[in-house]
Amino acid sequence: MPSVNEVNNYYNKSLSIVKKSAEIMIDGFSKKKETLTKAVDWDFVTEFDKKVEDNLIQQLLREFPEHKIIAEESQSGAELTSDPTWIIDPIDGTTNFMHGYPQSCISVALTINKELVIGIVYNPIMNQMFTAKKGQGAFLNGQPIRASKTEDLSKSLLALELSHGRHPSRHNQMMKSFDACVSVAHGVRTVGSSALTLCYVAMGGLDAYYANYLNSWDIAAGVLILREAGGTVISTNGDKFDLMTARVLAAGTNVLAQNLAKLLKDF
């Protein structure tokens, strides 16, 4: 593993790059968004998505030319290896962004030897900068954050990702999951950005998050931030979490995570 000084160098330079790239996102948020492609009904790709990603990749490779990239728009098929690898979602919450709903962010993570060592999730519209370095805690705008200690489902505020339910083959499964959660939880929310949702669990605003059909770039940074805030992440079936499979059940406590996994085991 890299030294603390090496990680701090990676972190400081990547944080600066994220902040500069966010200027593109802010500019786009105030302008008319024109869709360039539409891969499927719920996954829009905007010109600003592409601009932010291009800037992130160019600047990161300029600083770290030997590093690898996994990114949503241009390098989504890349495999995770032991090499230092930046995992990038240029705008997580693209549909929110297009509609002017301010729950969207830039998500950047660094893995080394396939382990998450840096996580940055930045929502410049709401001035929320979530950060973490492995073994050094999690922060919101420089202030430490901690996940909640809730263990009881009936006292929990849960988050689900429902947008993928528009896909016909997934609709019934997602609606059953939603109904099951509504029947027992204190409340259920959907944010529309996986990265931000994980960060909201990390800061204790949400108690748990359940989502299938994600990708590594949606969650890599948020997973590290949550872990560093004292939370836990497992697979939606209750097994060990796999970043590249990206089936996420995240919670402030392991007890709540296991309780939610049992509730939704049939879905």
C-alpha atoms as a PDB file:
ATOM      1  CA  MET A   1       0.000   0.000   0.000  1.00  0.00           C
ATOM      2  CA  PRO A   2       1.134   3.583  -0.571  1.00  0.00           C
ATOM      3  CA  SER A   3       2.540   5.700   2.217  1.00  0.00           C
ATOM      4  CA  VAL A   4       0.462   8.322   4.007  1.00  0.00           C
ATOM      5  CA  ASN A   5       2.378  11.033   2.160  1.00  0.00           C
ATOM      6  CA  GLU A   6       1.617   9.426  -1.196  1.00  0.00           C
ATOM      7  CA  VAL A   7      -2.085   9.153  -0.389  1.00  0.00           C
ATOM      8  CA  ASN A   8      -2.163  12.755   0.787  1.00  0.00           C
ATOM      9  CA  ASN A   9      -0.536  13.837  -2.473  1.00  0.00           C
ATOM     10  CA  TYR A  10      -3.079  11.887  -4.525  1.00  0.00           C
ATOM     11  CA  TYR A  11      -5.875  13.327  -2.418  1.00  0.00           C
ATOM     12  CA  ASN A  12      -4.788  16.966  -2.552  1.00  0.00           C
ATOM     13  CA  LYS A  13      -4.285  16.963  -6.299  1.00  0.00           C
ATOM     14  CA  SER A  14      -7.492  15.074  -7.061  1.00  0.00           C
ATOM     15  CA  LEU A  15      -9.500  17.341  -4.757  1.00  0.00           C
ATOM     16  CA  SER A  16      -8.255  20.378  -6.659  1.00  0.00           C
ATOM     17  CA  ILE A  17      -9.149  18.713  -9.965  1.00  0.00           C
ATOM     18  CA  VAL A  18     -12.656  17.880  -8.734  1.00  0.00           C
ATOM     19  CA  LYS A  19     -13.227  21.470  -7.640  1.00  0.00           C
ATOM     20  CA  LYS A  20     -12.136  22.812 -11.032  1.00  0.00           C
ATOM     21  CA  SER A  21     -14.291  20.277 -12.871  1.00  0.00           C
ATOM     22  CA  ALA A  22     -17.263  21.308 -10.748  1.00  0.00           C
ATOM     23  CA  GLU A  23     -17.162  24.709 -12.425  1.00  0.00           C
ATOM     24  CA  ILE A  24     -18.333  22.986 -15.614  1.00  0.00           C
ATOM     25  CA  MET A  25     -21.161  21.330 -13.708  1.00  0.00           C
ATOM     26  CA  ILE A  26     -22.263  24.607 -12.119  1.00  0.00           C
ATOM     27  CA  ASP A  27     -22.215  26.310 -15.511  1.00  0.00           C
ATOM     28  CA  GLY A  28     -24.335  23.538 -16.973  1.00  0.00           C
ATOM     29  CA  PHE A  29     -26.822  23.580 -14.119  1.00  0.00           C
ATOM     30  CA  SER A  30     -27.781  27.147 -14.939  1.00  0.00           C
ATOM     31  CA  LYS A  31     -28.164  26.527 -18.673  1.00  0.00           C
ATOM     32  CA  LYS A  32     -30.480  24.584 -20.918  1.00  0.00           C
ATOM     33  CA  LYS A  33     -29.439  20.942 -20.951  1.00  0.00           C
ATOM     34  CA  GLU A  34     -29.405  19.201 -24.318  1.00  0.00           C
ATOM     35  CA  THR A  35     -29.310  15.427 -24.326  1.00  0.00           C
ATOM     36  CA  LEU A  36     -26.687  13.948 -26.640  1.00  0.00           C
ATOM     37  CA  THR A  37     -27.606  10.271 -26.338  1.00  0.00           C
ATOM     38  CA  LYS A  38     -30.187   8.131 -24.612  1.00  0.00           C
ATOM     39  CA  ALA A  39     -28.862   4.652 -23.863  1.00  0.00           C
ATOM     40  CA  VAL A  40     -32.014   3.502 -22.115  1.00  0.00           C
ATOM     41  CA  ASP A  41     -35.141   5.218 -20.928  1.00  0.00           C
ATOM     42  CA  TRP A  42     -33.750   6.172 -17.501  1.00  0.00           C
ATOM     43  CA  ASP A  43     -30.080   6.826 -18.238  1.00  0.00           C
ATOM     44  CA  PHE A  44     -29.469  10.179 -19.894  1.00  0.00           C
ATOM     45  CA  VAL A  45     -26.060  11.365 -20.976  1.00  0.00           C
ATOM     46  CA  THR A  46     -25.660  15.125 -21.268  1.00  0.00           C
ATOM     47  CA  GLU A  47     -23.024  17.283 -22.830  1.00  0.00           C
ATOM     48  CA  PHE A  48     -21.995  18.379 -19.342  1.00  0.00           C
ATOM     49  CA  ASP A  49     -21.496  14.772 -18.225  1.00  0.00           C
ATOM     50  CA  LYS A  50     -19.016  14.388 -21.063  1.00  0.00           C
ATOM     51  CA  LYS A  51     -17.310  17.719 -20.432  1.00  0.00           C
ATOM     52  CA  VAL A  52     -16.828  17.015 -16.728  1.00  0.00           C
ATOM     53  CA  GLU A  53     -15.523  13.501 -17.362  1.00  0.00           C
ATOM     54  CA  ASP A  54     -13.107  14.640 -20.074  1.00  0.00           C
ATOM     55  CA  ASN A  55     -11.691  17.299 -17.780  1.00  0.00           C
ATOM     56  CA  LEU A  56     -11.345  14.912 -14.838  1.00  0.00           C
ATOM     57  CA  ILE A  57      -9.562  12.268 -16.900  1.00  0.00           C
ATOM     58  CA  GLN A  58      -7.242  14.701 -18.661  1.00  0.00           C
ATOM     59  CA  GLN A  59      -6.174  16.387 -15.438  1.00  0.00           C
ATOM     60  CA  LEU A  60      -5.777  13.163 -13.440  1.00  0.00           C
ATOM     61  CA  LEU A  61      -3.672  11.518 -16.152  1.00  0.00           C
ATOM     62  CA  ARG A  62      -1.575  14.658 -16.467  1.00  0.00           C
ATOM     63  CA  GLU A  63      -0.748  14.392 -12.758  1.00  0.00           C
ATOM     64  CA  PHE A  64      -0.610  10.583 -12.601  1.00  0.00           C
ATOM     65  CA  PRO A  65       0.165   9.227 -16.102  1.00  0.00           C
ATOM     66  CA  GLU A  66       0.728   5.662 -14.883  1.00  0.00           C
ATOM     67  CA  HIS A  67      -2.674   5.405 -13.214  1.00  0.00           C
ATOM     68  CA  LYS A  68      -5.681   3.642 -14.732  1.00  0.00           C
ATOM     69  CA  ILE A  69      -9.201   4.992 -15.235  1.00  0.00           C
ATOM     70  CA  ILE A  70     -12.686   3.505 -14.916  1.00  0.00           C
ATOM     71  CA  ALA A  71     -15.276   6.101 -15.909  1.00  0.00           C
ATOM     72  CA  GLU A  72     -18.970   6.095 -16.727  1.00  0.00           C
ATOM     73  CA  GLU A  73     -19.000   7.672 -20.172  1.00  0.00           C
ATOM     74  CA  SER A  74     -15.749   6.790 -21.907  1.00  0.00           C
ATOM     75  CA  GLN A  75     -14.123   3.909 -20.035  1.00  0.00           C
ATOM     76  CA  SER A  76     -16.962   1.957 -18.475  1.00  0.00           C
ATOM     77  CA  GLY A  77     -15.664  -1.392 -19.743  1.00  0.00           C
ATOM     78  CA  ALA A  78     -12.282  -1.170 -18.054  1.00  0.00           C
ATOM     79  CA  GLU A  79     -11.415  -3.867 -15.525  1.00  0.00           C
ATOM     80  CA  LEU A  80     -10.305  -3.204 -11.968  1.00  0.00           C
ATOM     81  CA  THR A  81      -6.693  -4.316 -11.479  1.00  0.00           C
ATOM     82  CA  SER A  82      -4.126  -3.887  -8.719  1.00  0.00           C
ATOM     83  CA  ASP A  83      -2.819  -0.739 -10.415  1.00  0.00           C
ATOM     84  CA  PRO A  84      -3.798   2.647  -8.963  1.00  0.00           C
ATOM     85  CA  THR A  85      -7.197   3.253 -10.557  1.00  0.00           C
ATOM     86  CA  TRP A  86      -9.452   6.291 -10.507  1.00  0.00           C
ATOM     87  CA  ILE A  87     -13.155   5.403 -10.599  1.00  0.00           C
ATOM     88  CA  ILE A  88     -15.158   8.355 -11.881  1.00  0.00           C
ATOM     89  CA  ASP A  89     -18.789   9.344 -12.176  1.00  0.00           C
ATOM     90  CA  PRO A  90     -18.720  12.840 -13.712  1.00  0.00           C
ATOM     91  CA  ILE A  91     -22.298  13.656 -12.756  1.00  0.00           C
ATOM     92  CA  ASP A  92     -24.069  11.159 -10.537  1.00  0.00           C
ATOM     93  CA  GLY A  93     -27.746  12.038 -10.552  1.00  0.00           C
ATOM     94  CA  THR A  94     -27.826  13.074 -14.205  1.00  0.00           C
ATOM     95  CA  THR A  95     -31.610  13.088 -14.438  1.00  0.00           C
ATOM     96  CA  ASN A  96     -31.817  15.302 -11.345  1.00  0.00           C
ATOM     97  CA  PHE A  97     -29.239  17.596 -12.931  1.00  0.00           C
ATOM     98  CA  MET A  98     -31.166  17.858 -16.189  1.00  0.00           C
ATOM     99  CA  HIS A  99     -34.354  18.831 -14.370  1.00  0.00           C
ATOM    100  CA  GLY A 100     -32.681  21.408 -12.141  1.00  0.00           C
ATOM    101  CA  TYR A 101     -33.117  19.266  -9.028  1.00  0.00           C
ATOM    102  CA  PRO A 102     -29.968  19.908  -6.972  1.00  0.00           C
ATOM    103  CA  GLN A 103     -29.231  16.336  -5.842  1.00  0.00           C
ATOM    104  CA  SER A 104     -26.326  15.571  -8.161  1.00  0.00           C
ATOM    105  CA  CYS A 105     -22.581  15.381  -7.695  1.00  0.00           C
ATOM    106  CA  ILE A 106     -19.136  14.501  -8.968  1.00  0.00           C
ATOM    107  CA  SER A 107     -17.864  11.206  -7.561  1.00  0.00           C
ATOM    108  CA  VAL A 108     -14.175  10.258  -7.696  1.00  0.00           C
ATOM    109  CA  ALA A 109     -12.475   7.352  -5.929  1.00  0.00           C
ATOM    110  CA  LEU A 110      -8.988   5.879  -6.017  1.00  0.00           C
ATOM    111  CA  THR A 111      -8.252   2.187  -5.576  1.00  0.00           C
ATOM    112  CA  ILE A 112      -4.802   0.678  -5.063  1.00  0.00           C
ATOM    113  CA  ASN A 113      -4.418  -3.104  -5.030  1.00  0.00           C
ATOM    114  CA  LYS A 114      -8.203  -3.135  -5.526  1.00  0.00           C
ATOM    115  CA  GLU A 115      -8.755  -1.399  -2.179  1.00  0.00           C
ATOM    116  CA  LEU A 116     -10.492   1.956  -1.856  1.00  0.00           C
ATOM    117  CA  VAL A 117      -8.087   4.553  -0.466  1.00  0.00           C
ATOM    118  CA  ILE A 118      -9.635   7.916  -1.477  1.00  0.00           C
ATOM    119  CA  GLY A 119     -13.257   8.993  -1.879  1.00  0.00           C
ATOM    120  CA  ILE A 120     -14.509  12.420  -2.966  1.00  0.00           C
ATOM    121  CA  VAL A 121     -18.186  13.237  -3.531  1.00  0.00           C
ATOM    122  CA  TYR A 122     -18.882  16.871  -4.350  1.00  0.00           C
ATOM    123  CA  ASN A 123     -22.263  18.514  -4.848  1.00  0.00           C
ATOM    124  CA  PRO A 124     -21.230  22.046  -5.857  1.00  0.00           C
ATOM    125  CA  ILE A 125     -24.829  23.179  -6.248  1.00  0.00           C
ATOM    126  CA  MET A 126     -25.498  22.668  -2.532  1.00  0.00           C
ATOM    127  CA  ASN A 127     -21.893  23.190  -1.434  1.00  0.00           C
ATOM    128  CA  GLN A 128     -21.516  19.687   0.002  1.00  0.00           C
ATOM    129  CA  MET A 129     -17.992  18.267  -0.154  1.00  0.00           C
ATOM    130  CA  PHE A 130     -17.771  14.745   1.280  1.00  0.00           C
ATOM    131  CA  THR A 131     -14.261  13.309   1.564  1.00  0.00           C
ATOM    132  CA  ALA A 132     -12.417  10.334   2.994  1.00  0.00           C
ATOM    133  CA  LYS A 133      -8.988   8.750   3.021  1.00  0.00           C
ATOM    134  CA  LYS A 134      -8.653   5.163   4.195  1.00  0.00           C
ATOM    135  CA  GLY A 135      -8.004   5.041   7.912  1.00  0.00           C
ATOM    136  CA  GLN A 136      -8.365   8.805   8.344  1.00  0.00           C
ATOM    137  CA  GLY A 137     -12.102   9.315   8.841  1.00  0.00           C
ATOM    138  CA  ALA A 138     -14.879  10.908   6.788  1.00  0.00           C
ATOM    139  CA  PHE A 139     -15.715  14.574   6.468  1.00  0.00           C
ATOM    140  CA  LEU A 140     -18.351  16.994   5.189  1.00  0.00           C
ATOM    141  CA  ASN A 141     -16.861  20.377   4.316  1.00  0.00           C
ATOM    142  CA  GLY A 142     -13.919  19.573   6.552  1.00  0.00           C
ATOM    143  CA  GLN A 143     -15.987  18.563   9.592  1.00  0.00           C
ATOM    144  CA  PRO A 144     -16.004  14.929  10.813  1.00  0.00           C
ATOM    145  CA  ILE A 145     -19.160  12.912  10.179  1.00  0.00           C
ATOM    146  CA  ARG A 146     -20.432   9.675  11.710  1.00  0.00           C
ATOM    147  CA  ALA A 147     -23.102   7.229  10.630  1.00  0.00           C
ATOM    148  CA  SER A 148     -26.121   6.645  12.852  1.00  0.00           C
ATOM    149  CA  LYS A 149     -26.302   3.879  15.462  1.00  0.00           C
ATOM    150  CA  THR A 150     -29.837   2.821  14.540  1.00  0.00           C
ATOM    151  CA  GLU A 151     -30.412  -0.943  14.592  1.00  0.00           C
ATOM    152  CA  ASP A 152     -34.213  -1.178  14.603  1.00  0.00           C
ATOM    153  CA  LEU A 153     -35.920  -1.091  11.196  1.00  0.00           C
ATOM    154  CA  SER A 154     -39.007   0.509  12.719  1.00  0.00           C
ATOM    155  CA  LYS A 155     -36.911   3.494  13.808  1.00  0.00           C
ATOM    156  CA  SER A 156     -34.954   3.823  10.588  1.00  0.00           C
ATOM    157  CA  LEU A 157     -35.111   6.218   7.660  1.00  0.00           C
ATOM    158  CA  LEU A 158     -34.323   4.109   4.608  1.00  0.00           C
ATOM    159  CA  ALA A 159     -33.385   5.033   1.053  1.00  0.00           C
ATOM    160  CA  LEU A 160     -34.102   3.018  -2.077  1.00  0.00           C
ATOM    161  CA  GLU A 161     -33.244   3.672  -5.702  1.00  0.00           C
ATOM    162  CA  LEU A 162     -36.472   3.293  -7.666  1.00  0.00           C
ATOM    163  CA  SER A 163     -35.659   4.825 -11.058  1.00  0.00           C
ATOM    164  CA  HIS A 164     -34.481   1.498 -12.473  1.00  0.00           C
ATOM    165  CA  GLY A 165     -37.962   0.171 -11.787  1.00  0.00           C
ATOM    166  CA  ARG A 166     -39.071   1.728 -15.057  1.00  0.00           C
ATOM    167  CA  HIS A 167     -37.303  -1.187 -16.734  1.00  0.00           C
ATOM    168  CA  PRO A 168     -40.137  -3.726 -17.273  1.00  0.00           C
ATOM    169  CA  SER A 169     -38.215  -6.757 -16.003  1.00  0.00           C
ATOM    170  CA  ARG A 170     -37.335  -4.985 -12.745  1.00  0.00           C
ATOM    171  CA  HIS A 171     -40.531  -3.121 -11.967  1.00  0.00           C
ATOM    172  CA  ASN A 172     -42.324  -5.741  -9.861  1.00  0.00           C
ATOM    173  CA  GLN A 173     -39.210  -6.564  -7.842  1.00  0.00           C
ATOM    174  CA  MET A 174     -38.597  -2.925  -6.997  1.00  0.00           C
ATOM    175  CA  MET A 175     -42.194  -2.226  -6.068  1.00  0.00           C
ATOM    176  CA  LYS A 176     -42.231  -5.247  -3.742  1.00  0.00           C
ATOM    177  CA  SER A 177     -39.023  -4.026  -2.109  1.00  0.00           C
ATOM    178  CA  PHE A 178     -40.527  -0.574  -1.678  1.00  0.00           C
ATOM    179  CA  ASP A 179     -43.737  -1.964  -0.165  1.00  0.00           C
ATOM    180  CA  ALA A 180     -41.767  -4.148   2.252  1.00  0.00           C
ATOM    181  CA  CYS A 181     -39.724  -1.176   3.459  1.00  0.00           C
ATOM    182  CA  VAL A 182     -42.710   1.141   3.777  1.00  0.00           C
ATOM    183  CA  SER A 183     -44.483  -1.451   5.915  1.00  0.00           C
ATOM    184  CA  VAL A 184     -41.791  -1.498   8.608  1.00  0.00           C
ATOM    185  CA  ALA A 185     -39.552   1.581   8.382  1.00  0.00           C
ATOM    186  CA  HIS A 186     -40.121   4.962   9.989  1.00  0.00           C
ATOM    187  CA  GLY A 187     -39.756   6.462   6.511  1.00  0.00           C
ATOM    188  CA  VAL A 188     -38.509   5.737   2.990  1.00  0.00           C
ATOM    189  CA  ARG A 189     -36.783   8.171   0.642  1.00  0.00           C
ATOM    190  CA  THR A 190     -35.238   8.157  -2.821  1.00  0.00           C
ATOM    191  CA  VAL A 191     -32.516  10.677  -3.635  1.00  0.00           C
ATOM    192  CA  GLY A 192     -31.687   9.889  -7.253  1.00  0.00           C
ATOM    193  CA  SER A 193     -27.918   9.881  -6.698  1.00  0.00           C
ATOM    194  CA  SER A 194     -26.288   6.773  -5.278  1.00  0.00           C
ATOM    195  CA  ALA A 195     -23.107   8.598  -4.319  1.00  0.00           C
ATOM    196  CA  LEU A 196     -24.965  11.261  -2.360  1.00  0.00           C
ATOM    197  CA  THR A 197     -27.266   8.701  -0.753  1.00  0.00           C
ATOM    198  CA  LEU A 198     -24.273   6.797   0.612  1.00  0.00           C
ATOM    199  CA  CYS A 199     -22.896  10.070   1.951  1.00  0.00           C
ATOM    200  CA  TYR A 200     -26.208  10.862   3.635  1.00  0.00           C
ATOM    201  CA  VAL A 201     -25.984   7.488   5.378  1.00  0.00           C
ATOM    202  CA  ALA A 202     -22.413   8.379   6.324  1.00  0.00           C
ATOM    203  CA  MET A 203     -23.509  11.648   7.946  1.00  0.00           C
ATOM    204  CA  GLY A 204     -26.401   9.988   9.795  1.00  0.00           C
ATOM    205  CA  GLY A 205     -29.159  11.685   7.821  1.00  0.00           C
ATOM    206  CA  LEU A 206     -30.277   8.315   6.479  1.00  0.00           C
ATOM    207  CA  ASP A 207     -29.923   5.023   8.328  1.00  0.00           C
ATOM    208  CA  ALA A 208     -29.631   2.616   5.391  1.00  0.00           C
ATOM    209  CA  TYR A 209     -29.630   2.377   1.601  1.00  0.00           C
ATOM    210  CA  TYR A 210     -30.596  -0.535  -0.639  1.00  0.00           C
ATOM    211  CA  ALA A 211     -29.949  -0.628  -4.395  1.00  0.00           C
ATOM    212  CA  ASN A 212     -29.334  -3.150  -7.146  1.00  0.00           C
ATOM    213  CA  TYR A 213     -28.418  -2.495 -10.802  1.00  0.00           C
ATOM    214  CA  LEU A 214     -25.650  -0.020 -10.029  1.00  0.00           C
ATOM    215  CA  ASN A 215     -22.110   0.357 -11.373  1.00  0.00           C
ATOM    216  CA  SER A 216     -18.788   0.785  -9.622  1.00  0.00           C
ATOM    217  CA  TRP A 217     -18.559   4.482 -10.492  1.00  0.00           C
ATOM    218  CA  ASP A 218     -21.930   5.159  -8.847  1.00  0.00           C
ATOM    219  CA  ILE A 219     -20.771   4.014  -5.440  1.00  0.00           C
ATOM    220  CA  ALA A 220     -16.978   3.679  -5.102  1.00  0.00           C
ATOM    221  CA  ALA A 221     -16.314   7.017  -3.406  1.00  0.00           C
ATOM    222  CA  GLY A 222     -19.462   6.849  -1.285  1.00  0.00           C
ATOM    223  CA  VAL A 223     -18.632   3.371  -0.012  1.00  0.00           C
ATOM    224  CA  LEU A 224     -15.277   4.518   1.371  1.00  0.00           C
ATOM    225  CA  ILE A 225     -16.825   7.639   2.891  1.00  0.00           C
ATOM    226  CA  LEU A 226     -19.464   5.534   4.640  1.00  0.00           C
ATOM    227  CA  ARG A 227     -16.947   3.012   5.932  1.00  0.00           C
ATOM    228  CA  GLU A 228     -14.739   5.787   7.273  1.00  0.00           C
ATOM    229  CA  ALA A 229     -17.808   7.248   9.010  1.00  0.00           C
ATOM    230  CA  GLY A 230     -18.294   3.977  10.879  1.00  0.00           C
ATOM    231  CA  GLY A 231     -20.914   2.471   8.597  1.00  0.00           C
ATOM    232  CA  THR A 232     -21.037  -0.875   6.855  1.00  0.00           C
ATOM    233  CA  VAL A 233     -21.638  -2.060   3.291  1.00  0.00           C
ATOM    234  CA  ILE A 234     -22.694  -5.558   2.258  1.00  0.00           C
ATOM    235  CA  SER A 235     -24.259  -7.061  -0.842  1.00  0.00           C
ATOM    236  CA  THR A 236     -28.028  -6.864  -1.157  1.00  0.00           C
ATOM    237  CA  ASN A 237     -28.224 -10.625  -0.543  1.00  0.00           C
ATOM    238  CA  GLY A 238     -26.340 -10.251   2.740  1.00  0.00           C
ATOM    239  CA  ASP A 239     -23.000 -11.517   1.422  1.00  0.00           C
ATOM    240  CA  LYS A 240     -19.677  -9.691   1.272  1.00  0.00           C
ATOM    241  CA  PHE A 241     -19.763  -6.509  -0.795  1.00  0.00           C
ATOM    242  CA  ASP A 242     -18.157  -6.595  -4.257  1.00  0.00           C
ATOM    243  CA  LEU A 243     -17.386  -3.191  -5.761  1.00  0.00           C
ATOM    244  CA  MET A 244     -17.567  -4.353  -9.363  1.00  0.00           C
ATOM    245  CA  THR A 245     -20.881  -6.162  -8.881  1.00  0.00           C
ATOM    246  CA  ALA A 246     -22.207  -3.055  -7.132  1.00  0.00           C
ATOM    247  CA  ARG A 247     -25.214  -4.526  -5.337  1.00  0.00           C
ATOM    248  CA  VAL A 248     -25.368  -2.249  -2.325  1.00  0.00           C
ATOM    249  CA  LEU A 249     -26.889  -2.579   1.099  1.00  0.00           C
ATOM    250  CA  ALA A 250     -25.358   0.175   3.200  1.00  0.00           C
ATOM    251  CA  ALA A 251     -26.193   1.069   6.785  1.00  0.00           C
ATOM    252  CA  GLY A 252     -24.910   2.842   9.842  1.00  0.00           C
ATOM    253  CA  THR A 253     -24.762  -0.451  11.750  1.00  0.00           C
ATOM    254  CA  ASN A 254     -24.199  -4.058  10.785  1.00  0.00           C
ATOM    255  CA  VAL A 255     -27.303  -5.094  12.743  1.00  0.00           C
ATOM    256  CA  LEU A 256     -29.522  -2.816  10.660  1.00  0.00           C
ATOM    257  CA  ALA A 257     -27.844  -3.982   7.458  1.00  0.00           C
ATOM    258  CA  GLN A 258     -28.536  -7.631   8.283  1.00  0.00           C
ATOM    259  CA  ASN A 259     -32.117  -6.865   9.335  1.00  0.00           C
ATOM    260  CA  LEU A 260     -32.750  -5.091   6.039  1.00  0.00           C
ATOM    261  CA  ALA A 261     -31.123  -7.921   4.092  1.00  0.00           C
ATOM    262  CA  LYS A 262     -33.469 -10.417   5.778  1.00  0.00           C
ATOM    263  CA  LEU A 263     -36.489  -8.237   5.012  1.00  0.00           C
ATOM    264  CA  LEU A 264     -35.615  -8.015   1.327  1.00  0.00           C
ATOM    265  CA  LYS A 265     -34.025 -11.441   0.796  1.00  0.00           C
ATOM    266  CA  ASP A 266     -36.803 -12.594  -1.530  1.00  0.00           C
ATOM    267  CA  PHE A 267     -36.600  -9.541  -3.780  1.00  0.00           C
END
